[in-house]
Amino acid sequence: MMGRKRDVVLLLAVFNLTINKALCLPENIPTRIMLVYDKRENIKEFRTLNSGITEDMDSKIRSWREEKIEVDDIIHGLNSNEIDMEEFPKLISYRV
């Protein structure tokens, strides 16, 4: 099934964006982004979740995202990863 694209209809994803080199900044600005995608409603929207960045920096990041990031590339590049529930201490205590 290599090369086959997923048929994603609805997606909400939160991720950290490393962006210092792209904006020619000396250090990374930790930027948490939320991606909202709804194929039926034709919504492809990024939202910056950081409250600690300036309005000017948010504007620069938003402009860069709009110019450089193709939402479909993110959607089709997502991987399904296995979650090892043994790593969660609270769940371990509920074993029978």
PDB file of N, CA and C in Angstrom:
ATOM      1  N   MET A   1       0.804  -1.188   0.000  1.00  0.00           N
ATOM      2  CA  MET A   1       0.000   0.000   0.000  1.00  0.00           C
ATOM      3  C   MET A   1       0.854   1.261   0.000  1.00  0.00           C
ATOM      4  N   MET A   2       2.098   1.134  -0.285  1.00  0.00           N
ATOM      5  CA  MET A   2       2.986   2.285  -0.314  1.00  0.00           C
ATOM      6  C   MET A   2       2.533   3.285  -1.365  1.00  0.00           C
ATOM      7  N   GLY A   3       2.563   4.568  -1.036  1.00  0.00           N
ATOM      8  CA  GLY A   3       2.222   5.603  -1.989  1.00  0.00           C
ATOM      9  C   GLY A   3       0.750   5.955  -2.021  1.00  0.00           C
ATOM     10  N   ARG A   4      -0.085   5.199  -1.341  1.00  0.00           N
ATOM     11  CA  ARG A   4      -1.519   5.469  -1.320  1.00  0.00           C
ATOM     12  C   ARG A   4      -1.820   6.576  -0.316  1.00  0.00           C
ATOM     13  N   LYS A   5      -2.608   7.559  -0.737  1.00  0.00           N
ATOM     14  CA  LYS A   5      -2.977   8.657   0.154  1.00  0.00           C
ATOM     15  C   LYS A   5      -4.178   8.258   0.988  1.00  0.00           C
ATOM     16  N   ARG A   6      -4.208   8.786   2.204  1.00  0.00           N
ATOM     17  CA  ARG A   6      -5.351   8.552   3.082  1.00  0.00           C
ATOM     18  C   ARG A   6      -6.501   9.439   2.675  1.00  0.00           C
ATOM     19  N   ASP A   7      -7.680   8.997   2.980  1.00  0.00           N
ATOM     20  CA  ASP A   7      -8.858   9.821   2.756  1.00  0.00           C
ATOM     21  C   ASP A   7      -9.235  10.420   4.106  1.00  0.00           C
ATOM     22  N   VAL A   8      -8.658  11.560   4.425  1.00  0.00           N
ATOM     23  CA  VAL A   8      -8.904  12.233   5.695  1.00  0.00           C
ATOM     24  C   VAL A   8     -10.063  13.199   5.499  1.00  0.00           C
ATOM     25  N   VAL A   9     -11.059  13.092   6.356  1.00  0.00           N
ATOM     26  CA  VAL A   9     -12.233  13.947   6.261  1.00  0.00           C
ATOM     27  C   VAL A   9     -12.195  15.023   7.335  1.00  0.00           C
ATOM     28  N   LEU A  10     -11.777  14.660   8.541  1.00  0.00           N
ATOM     29  CA  LEU A  10     -11.765  15.587   9.661  1.00  0.00           C
ATOM     30  C   LEU A  10     -10.500  15.348  10.479  1.00  0.00           C
ATOM     31  N   LEU A  11      -9.799  16.428  10.824  1.00  0.00           N
ATOM     32  CA  LEU A  11      -8.547  16.287  11.565  1.00  0.00           C
ATOM     33  C   LEU A  11      -8.342  17.485  12.476  1.00  0.00           C
ATOM     34  N   LEU A  12      -7.921  17.201  13.692  1.00  0.00           N
ATOM     35  CA  LEU A  12      -7.480  18.221  14.629  1.00  0.00           C
ATOM     36  C   LEU A  12      -6.138  17.741  15.147  1.00  0.00           C
ATOM     37  N   ALA A  13      -5.082  18.515  14.922  1.00  0.00           N
ATOM     38  CA  ALA A  13      -3.747  18.127  15.341  1.00  0.00           C
ATOM     39  C   ALA A  13      -3.066  19.301  16.027  1.00  0.00           C
ATOM     40  N   VAL A  14      -2.330  19.008  17.093  1.00  0.00           N
ATOM     41  CA  VAL A  14      -1.542  20.014  17.794  1.00  0.00           C
ATOM     42  C   VAL A  14      -0.097  19.550  17.734  1.00  0.00           C
ATOM     43  N   PHE A  15       0.794  20.450  17.335  1.00  0.00           N
ATOM     44  CA  PHE A  15       2.205  20.089  17.211  1.00  0.00           C
ATOM     45  C   PHE A  15       3.082  21.299  17.493  1.00  0.00           C
ATOM     46  N   ASN A  16       4.348  21.026  17.789  1.00  0.00           N
ATOM     47  CA  ASN A  16       5.331  22.082  17.985  1.00  0.00           C
ATOM     48  C   ASN A  16       6.013  22.352  16.652  1.00  0.00           C
ATOM     49  N   LEU A  17       6.162  23.608  16.342  1.00  0.00           N
ATOM     50  CA  LEU A  17       6.788  24.022  15.093  1.00  0.00           C
ATOM     51  C   LEU A  17       8.144  24.630  15.419  1.00  0.00           C
ATOM     52  N   THR A  18       9.200  24.082  14.843  1.00  0.00           N
ATOM     53  CA  THR A  18      10.545  24.641  14.988  1.00  0.00           C
ATOM     54  C   THR A  18      10.768  25.542  13.792  1.00  0.00           C
ATOM     55  N   ILE A  19      11.021  26.816  14.052  1.00  0.00           N
ATOM     56  CA  ILE A  19      10.968  27.753  12.940  1.00  0.00           C
ATOM     57  C   ILE A  19      12.092  28.787  12.923  1.00  0.00           C
ATOM     58  N   ASN A  20      13.085  28.683  13.771  1.00  0.00           N
ATOM     59  CA  ASN A  20      14.108  29.724  13.827  1.00  0.00           C
ATOM     60  C   ASN A  20      14.875  29.887  12.513  1.00  0.00           C
ATOM     61  N   LYS A  21      15.277  28.806  11.878  1.00  0.00           N
ATOM     62  CA  LYS A  21      16.050  28.915  10.629  1.00  0.00           C
ATOM     63  C   LYS A  21      15.202  29.495   9.501  1.00  0.00           C
ATOM     64  N   ALA A  22      13.955  29.093   9.433  1.00  0.00           N
ATOM     65  CA  ALA A  22      13.072  29.567   8.369  1.00  0.00           C
ATOM     66  C   ALA A  22      12.858  31.078   8.437  1.00  0.00           C
ATOM     67  N   LEU A  23      12.869  31.634   9.648  1.00  0.00           N
ATOM     68  CA  LEU A  23      12.670  33.077   9.813  1.00  0.00           C
ATOM     69  C   LEU A  23      13.976  33.824  10.068  1.00  0.00           C
ATOM     70  N   CYS A  24      15.111  33.108   9.897  1.00  0.00           N
ATOM     71  CA  CYS A  24      16.448  33.698  10.096  1.00  0.00           C
ATOM     72  C   CYS A  24      16.605  34.283  11.500  1.00  0.00           C
ATOM     73  N   LEU A  25      16.177  33.529  12.493  1.00  0.00           N
ATOM     74  CA  LEU A  25      16.297  33.953  13.883  1.00  0.00           C
ATOM     75  C   LEU A  25      17.464  33.223  14.539  1.00  0.00           C
ATOM     76  N   PRO A  26      18.150  33.855  15.478  1.00  0.00           N
ATOM     77  CA  PRO A  26      19.308  33.223  16.111  1.00  0.00           C
ATOM     78  C   PRO A  26      18.950  32.030  16.988  1.00  0.00           C
ATOM     79  N   GLU A  27      17.739  31.988  17.525  1.00  0.00           N
ATOM     80  CA  GLU A  27      17.330  30.859  18.353  1.00  0.00           C
ATOM     81  C   GLU A  27      15.872  30.492  18.062  1.00  0.00           C
ATOM     82  N   ASN A  28      15.521  29.290  18.467  1.00  0.00           N
ATOM     83  CA  ASN A  28      14.179  28.796  18.204  1.00  0.00           C
ATOM     84  C   ASN A  28      13.141  29.515  19.065  1.00  0.00           C
ATOM     85  N   ILE A  29      12.018  29.796  18.465  1.00  0.00           N
ATOM     86  CA  ILE A  29      10.869  30.314  19.195  1.00  0.00           C
ATOM     87  C   ILE A  29       9.926  29.137  19.346  1.00  0.00           C
ATOM     88  N   PRO A  30       9.740  28.638  20.574  1.00  0.00           N
ATOM     89  CA  PRO A  30       8.831  27.499  20.731  1.00  0.00           C
ATOM     90  C   PRO A  30       7.416  27.904  20.326  1.00  0.00           C
ATOM     91  N   THR A  31       6.917  27.249  19.311  1.00  0.00           N
ATOM     92  CA  THR A  31       5.628  27.624  18.750  1.00  0.00           C
ATOM     93  C   THR A  31       4.725  26.403  18.688  1.00  0.00           C
ATOM     94  N   ARG A  32       3.641  26.441  19.414  1.00  0.00           N
ATOM     95  CA  ARG A  32       2.656  25.359  19.393  1.00  0.00           C
ATOM     96  C   ARG A  32       1.550  25.764  18.431  1.00  0.00           C
ATOM     97  N   ILE A  33       1.253  24.857  17.510  1.00  0.00           N
ATOM     98  CA  ILE A  33       0.300  25.125  16.438  1.00  0.00           C
ATOM     99  C   ILE A  33      -0.829  24.102  16.491  1.00  0.00           C
ATOM    100  N   MET A  34      -2.033  24.557  16.193  1.00  0.00           N
ATOM    101  CA  MET A  34      -3.164  23.653  16.045  1.00  0.00           C
ATOM    102  C   MET A  34      -3.615  23.708  14.588  1.00  0.00           C
ATOM    103  N   LEU A  35      -3.781  22.556  13.997  1.00  0.00           N
ATOM    104  CA  LEU A  35      -4.277  22.437  12.634  1.00  0.00           C
ATOM    105  C   LEU A  35      -5.703  21.909  12.693  1.00  0.00           C
ATOM    106  N   VAL A  36      -6.616  22.645  12.078  1.00  0.00           N
ATOM    107  CA  VAL A  36      -8.011  22.227  11.980  1.00  0.00           C
ATOM    108  C   VAL A  36      -8.290  21.980  10.503  1.00  0.00           C
ATOM    109  N   TYR A  37      -8.765  20.777  10.192  1.00  0.00           N
ATOM    110  CA  TYR A  37      -9.039  20.407   8.802  1.00  0.00           C
ATOM    111  C   TYR A  37     -10.393  19.723   8.736  1.00  0.00           C
ATOM    112  N   ASP A  38     -11.235  20.211   7.855  1.00  0.00           N
ATOM    113  CA  ASP A  38     -12.543  19.604   7.617  1.00  0.00           C
ATOM    114  C   ASP A  38     -12.770  19.606   6.110  1.00  0.00           C
ATOM    115  N   LYS A  39     -12.652  18.433   5.529  1.00  0.00           N
ATOM    116  CA  LYS A  39     -12.771  18.308   4.074  1.00  0.00           C
ATOM    117  C   LYS A  39     -14.159  18.709   3.584  1.00  0.00           C
ATOM    118  N   ARG A  40     -15.195  18.309   4.303  1.00  0.00           N
ATOM    119  CA  ARG A  40     -16.575  18.597   3.880  1.00  0.00           C
ATOM    120  C   ARG A  40     -16.873  20.094   3.872  1.00  0.00           C
ATOM    121  N   GLU A  41     -16.339  20.803   4.868  1.00  0.00           N
ATOM    122  CA  GLU A  41     -16.589  22.247   4.982  1.00  0.00           C
ATOM    123  C   GLU A  41     -15.494  23.084   4.318  1.00  0.00           C
ATOM    124  N   ASN A  42     -14.507  22.414   3.718  1.00  0.00           N
ATOM    125  CA  ASN A  42     -13.376  23.060   3.062  1.00  0.00           C
ATOM    126  C   ASN A  42     -12.626  24.012   4.018  1.00  0.00           C
ATOM    127  N   ILE A  43     -12.334  23.502   5.223  1.00  0.00           N
ATOM    128  CA  ILE A  43     -11.597  24.268   6.218  1.00  0.00           C
ATOM    129  C   ILE A  43     -10.189  23.703   6.339  1.00  0.00           C
ATOM    130  N   LYS A  44      -9.197  24.552   6.171  1.00  0.00           N
ATOM    131  CA  LYS A  44      -7.794  24.228   6.394  1.00  0.00           C
ATOM    132  C   LYS A  44      -7.222  25.420   7.142  1.00  0.00           C
ATOM    133  N   GLU A  45      -7.104  25.281   8.445  1.00  0.00           N
ATOM    134  CA  GLU A  45      -6.763  26.437   9.260  1.00  0.00           C
ATOM    135  C   GLU A  45      -5.711  26.100  10.313  1.00  0.00           C
ATOM    136  N   PHE A  46      -4.706  26.951  10.418  1.00  0.00           N
ATOM    137  CA  PHE A  46      -3.708  26.858  11.470  1.00  0.00           C
ATOM    138  C   PHE A  46      -4.016  27.912  12.521  1.00  0.00           C
ATOM    139  N   ARG A  47      -3.790  27.570  13.784  1.00  0.00           N
ATOM    140  CA  ARG A  47      -3.925  28.547  14.864  1.00  0.00           C
ATOM    141  C   ARG A  47      -2.687  28.456  15.742  1.00  0.00           C
ATOM    142  N   THR A  48      -2.117  29.596  16.075  1.00  0.00           N
ATOM    143  CA  THR A  48      -0.985  29.634  16.990  1.00  0.00           C
ATOM    144  C   THR A  48      -1.541  29.607  18.402  1.00  0.00           C
ATOM    145  N   LEU A  49      -1.069  28.678  19.223  1.00  0.00           N
ATOM    146  CA  LEU A  49      -1.596  28.524  20.572  1.00  0.00           C
ATOM    147  C   LEU A  49      -0.751  29.226  21.636  1.00  0.00           C
ATOM    148  N   ASN A  50       0.449  29.683  21.275  1.00  0.00           N
ATOM    149  CA  ASN A  50       1.326  30.345  22.243  1.00  0.00           C
ATOM    150  C   ASN A  50       0.754  31.687  22.662  1.00  0.00           C
ATOM    151  N   SER A  51       0.731  31.914  23.946  1.00  0.00           N
ATOM    152  CA  SER A  51       0.313  33.234  24.412  1.00  0.00           C
ATOM    153  C   SER A  51       1.528  34.117  24.688  1.00  0.00           C
ATOM    154  N   GLY A  52       2.723  33.523  24.689  1.00  0.00           N
ATOM    155  CA  GLY A  52       3.927  34.259  25.040  1.00  0.00           C
ATOM    156  C   GLY A  52       4.658  34.906  23.876  1.00  0.00           C
ATOM    157  N   ILE A  53       4.185  34.752  22.648  1.00  0.00           N
ATOM    158  CA  ILE A  53       4.877  35.391  21.533  1.00  0.00           C
ATOM    159  C   ILE A  53       4.179  36.700  21.176  1.00  0.00           C
ATOM    160  N   THR A  54       4.949  37.599  20.623  1.00  0.00           N
ATOM    161  CA  THR A  54       4.402  38.913  20.285  1.00  0.00           C
ATOM    162  C   THR A  54       3.470  38.820  19.079  1.00  0.00           C
ATOM    163  N   GLU A  55       2.642  39.809  18.927  1.00  0.00           N
ATOM    164  CA  GLU A  55       1.726  39.876  17.791  1.00  0.00           C
ATOM    165  C   GLU A  55       2.501  39.944  16.477  1.00  0.00           C
ATOM    166  N   ASP A  56       3.609  40.682  16.490  1.00  0.00           N
ATOM    167  CA  ASP A  56       4.453  40.807  15.305  1.00  0.00           C
ATOM    168  C   ASP A  56       5.048  39.451  14.914  1.00  0.00           C
ATOM    169  N   MET A  57       5.545  38.708  15.913  1.00  0.00           N
ATOM    170  CA  MET A  57       6.131  37.399  15.626  1.00  0.00           C
ATOM    171  C   MET A  57       5.051  36.429  15.162  1.00  0.00           C
ATOM    172  N   ASP A  58       3.881  36.475  15.761  1.00  0.00           N
ATOM    173  CA  ASP A  58       2.773  35.624  15.323  1.00  0.00           C
ATOM    174  C   ASP A  58       2.430  35.920  13.867  1.00  0.00           C
ATOM    175  N   SER A  59       2.435  37.171  13.496  1.00  0.00           N
ATOM    176  CA  SER A  59       2.149  37.571  12.120  1.00  0.00           C
ATOM    177  C   SER A  59       3.204  37.014  11.162  1.00  0.00           C
ATOM    178  N   LYS A  60       4.480  37.072  11.560  1.00  0.00           N
ATOM    179  CA  LYS A  60       5.565  36.529  10.722  1.00  0.00           C
ATOM    180  C   LYS A  60       5.416  35.020  10.550  1.00  0.00           C
ATOM    181  N   ILE A  61       5.115  34.335  11.640  1.00  0.00           N
ATOM    182  CA  ILE A  61       4.949  32.884  11.585  1.00  0.00           C
ATOM    183  C   ILE A  61       3.745  32.519  10.723  1.00  0.00           C
ATOM    184  N   ARG A  62       2.660  33.250  10.890  1.00  0.00           N
ATOM    185  CA  ARG A  62       1.445  32.994  10.099  1.00  0.00           C
ATOM    186  C   ARG A  62       1.726  33.190   8.609  1.00  0.00           C
ATOM    187  N   SER A  63       2.424  34.271   8.253  1.00  0.00           N
ATOM    188  CA  SER A  63       2.758  34.532   6.850  1.00  0.00           C
ATOM    189  C   SER A  63       3.627  33.423   6.275  1.00  0.00           C
ATOM    190  N   TRP A  64       4.611  32.990   7.057  1.00  0.00           N
ATOM    191  CA  TRP A  64       5.497  31.924   6.599  1.00  0.00           C
ATOM    192  C   TRP A  64       4.697  30.639   6.379  1.00  0.00           C
ATOM    193  N   ARG A  65       3.813  30.291   7.331  1.00  0.00           N
ATOM    194  CA  ARG A  65       2.991  29.076   7.197  1.00  0.00           C
ATOM    195  C   ARG A  65       2.139  29.126   5.943  1.00  0.00           C
ATOM    196  N   GLU A  66       1.490  30.263   5.712  1.00  0.00           N
ATOM    197  CA  GLU A  66       0.599  30.385   4.562  1.00  0.00           C
ATOM    198  C   GLU A  66       1.353  30.254   3.242  1.00  0.00           C
ATOM    199  N   GLU A  67       2.584  30.724   3.235  1.00  0.00           N
ATOM    200  CA  GLU A  67       3.379  30.672   2.006  1.00  0.00           C
ATOM    201  C   GLU A  67       4.049  29.321   1.791  1.00  0.00           C
ATOM    202  N   LYS A  68       4.498  28.676   2.866  1.00  0.00           N
ATOM    203  CA  LYS A  68       5.368  27.503   2.731  1.00  0.00           C
ATOM    204  C   LYS A  68       4.728  26.150   3.032  1.00  0.00           C
ATOM    205  N   ILE A  69       3.667  26.130   3.808  1.00  0.00           N
ATOM    206  CA  ILE A  69       3.125  24.838   4.246  1.00  0.00           C
ATOM    207  C   ILE A  69       1.864  24.487   3.464  1.00  0.00           C
ATOM    208  N   GLU A  70       1.874  23.304   2.898  1.00  0.00           N
ATOM    209  CA  GLU A  70       0.703  22.768   2.217  1.00  0.00           C
ATOM    210  C   GLU A  70       0.030  21.796   3.179  1.00  0.00           C
ATOM    211  N   VAL A  71      -1.176  22.108   3.569  1.00  0.00           N
ATOM    212  CA  VAL A  71      -1.906  21.310   4.554  1.00  0.00           C
ATOM    213  C   VAL A  71      -2.013  19.854   4.114  1.00  0.00           C
ATOM    214  N   ASP A  72      -2.253  19.610   2.851  1.00  0.00           N
ATOM    215  CA  ASP A  72      -2.377  18.232   2.366  1.00  0.00           C
ATOM    216  C   ASP A  72      -1.104  17.434   2.599  1.00  0.00           C
ATOM    217  N   ASP A  73       0.062  18.078   2.533  1.00  0.00           N
ATOM    218  CA  ASP A  73       1.325  17.380   2.800  1.00  0.00           C
ATOM    219  C   ASP A  73       1.387  16.916   4.253  1.00  0.00           C
ATOM    220  N   ILE A  74       0.886  17.732   5.156  1.00  0.00           N
ATOM    221  CA  ILE A  74       0.873  17.348   6.569  1.00  0.00           C
ATOM    222  C   ILE A  74      -0.102  16.200   6.783  1.00  0.00           C
ATOM    223  N   ILE A  75      -1.290  16.334   6.244  1.00  0.00           N
ATOM    224  CA  ILE A  75      -2.325  15.312   6.440  1.00  0.00           C
ATOM    225  C   ILE A  75      -1.868  13.960   5.928  1.00  0.00           C
ATOM    226  N   HIS A  76      -1.301  13.931   4.742  1.00  0.00           N
ATOM    227  CA  HIS A  76      -0.903  12.660   4.153  1.00  0.00           C
ATOM    228  C   HIS A  76       0.439  12.174   4.678  1.00  0.00           C
ATOM    229  N   GLY A  77       1.156  13.020   5.424  1.00  0.00           N
ATOM    230  CA  GLY A  77       2.432  12.622   6.001  1.00  0.00           C
ATOM    231  C   GLY A  77       2.319  12.099   7.420  1.00  0.00           C
ATOM    232  N   LEU A  78       1.119  12.149   8.005  1.00  0.00           N
ATOM    233  CA  LEU A  78       0.929  11.671   9.363  1.00  0.00           C
ATOM    234  C   LEU A  78       1.121  10.172   9.440  1.00  0.00           C
ATOM    235  N   ASN A  79       1.682   9.723  10.538  1.00  0.00           N
ATOM    236  CA  ASN A  79       1.888   8.298  10.766  1.00  0.00           C
ATOM    237  C   ASN A  79       1.033   7.834  11.930  1.00  0.00           C
ATOM    238  N   SER A  80       0.583   6.628  11.858  1.00  0.00           N
ATOM    239  CA  SER A  80      -0.086   6.017  13.002  1.00  0.00           C
ATOM    240  C   SER A  80       0.989   5.337  13.818  1.00  0.00           C
ATOM    241  N   ASN A  81       1.138   5.763  15.049  1.00  0.00           N
ATOM    242  CA  ASN A  81       2.153   5.184  15.912  1.00  0.00           C
ATOM    243  C   ASN A  81       1.510   4.333  16.990  1.00  0.00           C
ATOM    244  N   GLU A  82       2.219   3.326  17.382  1.00  0.00           N
ATOM    245  CA  GLU A  82       1.749   2.453  18.437  1.00  0.00           C
ATOM    246  C   GLU A  82       1.963   3.143  19.777  1.00  0.00           C
ATOM    247  N   ILE A  83       0.999   3.005  20.654  1.00  0.00           N
ATOM    248  CA  ILE A  83       1.126   3.538  22.003  1.00  0.00           C
ATOM    249  C   ILE A  83       1.278   2.368  22.952  1.00  0.00           C
ATOM    250  N   ASP A  84       2.363   2.359  23.708  1.00  0.00           N
ATOM    251  CA  ASP A  84       2.613   1.316  24.685  1.00  0.00           C
ATOM    252  C   ASP A  84       1.967   1.746  25.996  1.00  0.00           C
ATOM    253  N   MET A  85       0.818   1.168  26.307  1.00  0.00           N
ATOM    254  CA  MET A  85       0.073   1.560  27.496  1.00  0.00           C
ATOM    255  C   MET A  85       0.806   1.209  28.785  1.00  0.00           C
ATOM    256  N   GLU A  86       1.795   0.345  28.700  1.00  0.00           N
ATOM    257  CA  GLU A  86       2.598  -0.003  29.880  1.00  0.00           C
ATOM    258  C   GLU A  86       3.415   1.192  30.373  1.00  0.00           C
ATOM    259  N   GLU A  87       3.551   2.203  29.544  1.00  0.00           N
ATOM    260  CA  GLU A  87       4.331   3.389  29.899  1.00  0.00           C
ATOM    261  C   GLU A  87       3.535   4.371  30.762  1.00  0.00           C
ATOM    262  N   PHE A  88       2.255   4.135  30.939  1.00  0.00           N
ATOM    263  CA  PHE A  88       1.415   5.052  31.693  1.00  0.00           C
ATOM    264  C   PHE A  88       1.185   4.487  33.095  1.00  0.00           C
ATOM    265  N   PRO A  89       1.858   5.039  34.114  1.00  0.00           N
ATOM    266  CA  PRO A  89       1.797   4.485  35.475  1.00  0.00           C
ATOM    267  C   PRO A  89       0.385   4.362  36.042  1.00  0.00           C
ATOM    268  N   LYS A  90      -0.493   5.313  35.783  1.00  0.00           N
ATOM    269  CA  LYS A  90      -1.846   5.240  36.339  1.00  0.00           C
ATOM    270  C   LYS A  90      -2.606   4.052  35.775  1.00  0.00           C
ATOM    271  N   LEU A  91      -2.354   3.712  34.517  1.00  0.00           N
ATOM    272  CA  LEU A  91      -3.057   2.577  33.914  1.00  0.00           C
ATOM    273  C   LEU A  91      -2.529   1.255  34.430  1.00  0.00           C
ATOM    274  N   ILE A  92      -1.258   1.209  34.745  1.00  0.00           N
ATOM    275  CA  ILE A  92      -0.656  -0.034  35.230  1.00  0.00           C
ATOM    276  C   ILE A  92      -1.332  -0.474  36.533  1.00  0.00           C
ATOM    277  N   SER A  93      -1.693   0.472  37.382  1.00  0.00           N
ATOM    278  CA  SER A  93      -2.311   0.142  38.667  1.00  0.00           C
ATOM    279  C   SER A  93      -3.713  -0.440  38.524  1.00  0.00           C
ATOM    280  N   TYR A  94      -4.313  -0.324  37.329  1.00  0.00           N
ATOM    281  CA  TYR A  94      -5.660  -0.844  37.106  1.00  0.00           C
ATOM    282  C   TYR A  94      -5.669  -2.254  36.530  1.00  0.00           C
ATOM    283  N   ARG A  95      -4.502  -2.849  36.396  1.00  0.00           N
ATOM    284  CA  ARG A  95      -4.442  -4.219  35.863  1.00  0.00           C
ATOM    285  C   ARG A  95      -5.156  -5.186  36.790  1.00  0.00           C
ATOM    286  N   VAL A  96      -5.745  -6.192  36.177  1.00  0.00           N
ATOM    287  CA  VAL A  96      -6.468  -7.211  36.961  1.00  0.00           C
ATOM    288  C   VAL A  96      -5.510  -8.304  37.353  1.00  0.00           C
TER     289      VAL A  96
END
